[in-house]
Amino acid sequence: MKAISIAGLVLIAGGIFLIVRPPHYSSERRVLNFGGLTASVSQERPLPGWVGGTVLGAGLVLLSVGLLKR
């Protein structure tokens, strides 16, 4: 297999993983700021679904280009 096809397969696997089990990231937001007193809230947010779809689409494009160059 060519390197471009292998890269496409890796991106496809990564895209499927991101769609099925999206990783989470922390988001901190200030709720109250009064003089020297500050209060903030930290939330765990999932990675948006479009990220996995984009990675999956890029992998499909690379795989098809790799197969067409044969």
Protein backbone atom coordinates (compact mmCIF):
# COMPACT_ATOMS: atom_id res chain seq x y z
CA MET A 1 0.00 0.00 0.00
CA LYS A 2 1.10 3.50 -0.65
CA ALA A 3 1.66 5.98 2.13
CA ILE A 4 -1.34 8.09 1.08
CA SER A 5 -3.66 5.08 1.37
CA ILE A 6 -2.28 4.24 4.80
CA ALA A 7 -2.75 7.83 5.93
CA GLY A 8 -6.33 7.67 4.65
CA LEU A 9 -7.00 4.49 6.64
CA VAL A 10 -5.56 6.06 9.79
CA LEU A 11 -7.75 9.15 9.34
CA ILE A 12 -10.83 6.99 8.74
CA ALA A 13 -10.18 5.05 11.95
CA GLY A 14 -9.60 8.29 13.85
CA GLY A 15 -12.77 9.86 12.46
CA ILE A 16 -14.88 6.86 13.45
CA PHE A 17 -13.37 6.94 16.93
CA LEU A 18 -14.12 10.67 17.28
CA ILE A 19 -17.73 10.13 16.21
CA VAL A 20 -18.33 7.13 18.48
CA ARG A 21 -16.44 8.32 21.59
CA PRO A 22 -15.77 12.06 21.40
CA PRO A 23 -13.09 13.26 23.82
CA HIS A 24 -13.91 15.99 26.34
CA TYR A 25 -12.12 19.24 27.09
CA SER A 26 -12.36 21.64 30.03
CA SER A 27 -13.92 25.05 29.60
CA GLU A 28 -13.63 27.61 32.38
CA ARG A 29 -15.96 30.59 32.58
CA ARG A 30 -16.09 33.49 35.04
CA VAL A 31 -19.45 33.76 36.71
CA LEU A 32 -18.84 36.52 39.24
CA ASN A 33 -16.26 39.26 39.40
CA PHE A 34 -16.82 41.62 42.33
CA GLY A 35 -13.78 43.61 43.40
CA GLY A 36 -11.14 41.11 44.49
CA LEU A 37 -13.63 38.25 44.60
CA THR A 38 -13.93 36.09 41.51
CA ALA A 39 -15.91 32.92 40.97
CA SER A 40 -15.56 30.65 37.99
CA VAL A 41 -17.20 27.47 36.74
CA SER A 42 -15.31 24.67 35.01
CA GLN A 43 -17.28 22.46 32.61
CA GLU A 44 -16.36 19.33 30.67
CA ARG A 45 -17.52 19.68 27.07
CA PRO A 46 -17.41 17.06 24.32
CA LEU A 47 -15.63 17.69 21.06
CA PRO A 48 -18.22 18.69 18.41
CA GLY A 49 -19.40 15.94 16.07
CA TRP A 50 -18.41 17.82 12.93
CA VAL A 51 -14.73 17.36 13.84
CA GLY A 52 -15.01 13.58 13.56
CA GLY A 53 -17.00 13.89 10.35
CA THR A 54 -14.36 16.13 8.82
CA VAL A 55 -11.55 13.74 9.76
CA LEU A 56 -13.55 10.81 8.37
CA GLY A 57 -14.22 12.68 5.11
CA ALA A 58 -10.57 13.62 4.71
CA GLY A 59 -9.60 9.98 5.24
CA LEU A 60 -12.07 8.83 2.59
CA VAL A 61 -10.69 11.37 0.13
CA LEU A 62 -7.09 10.30 0.78
CA LEU A 63 -7.97 6.63 0.47
CA SER A 64 -9.79 7.14 -2.82
CA VAL A 65 -6.94 9.24 -4.23
CA GLY A 66 -4.45 6.58 -3.14
CA LEU A 67 -6.47 3.84 -4.82
CA LEU A 68 -6.99 5.83 -8.04
CA LYS A 69 -3.24 6.50 -8.47
CA ARG A 70 -2.55 2.77 -8.92
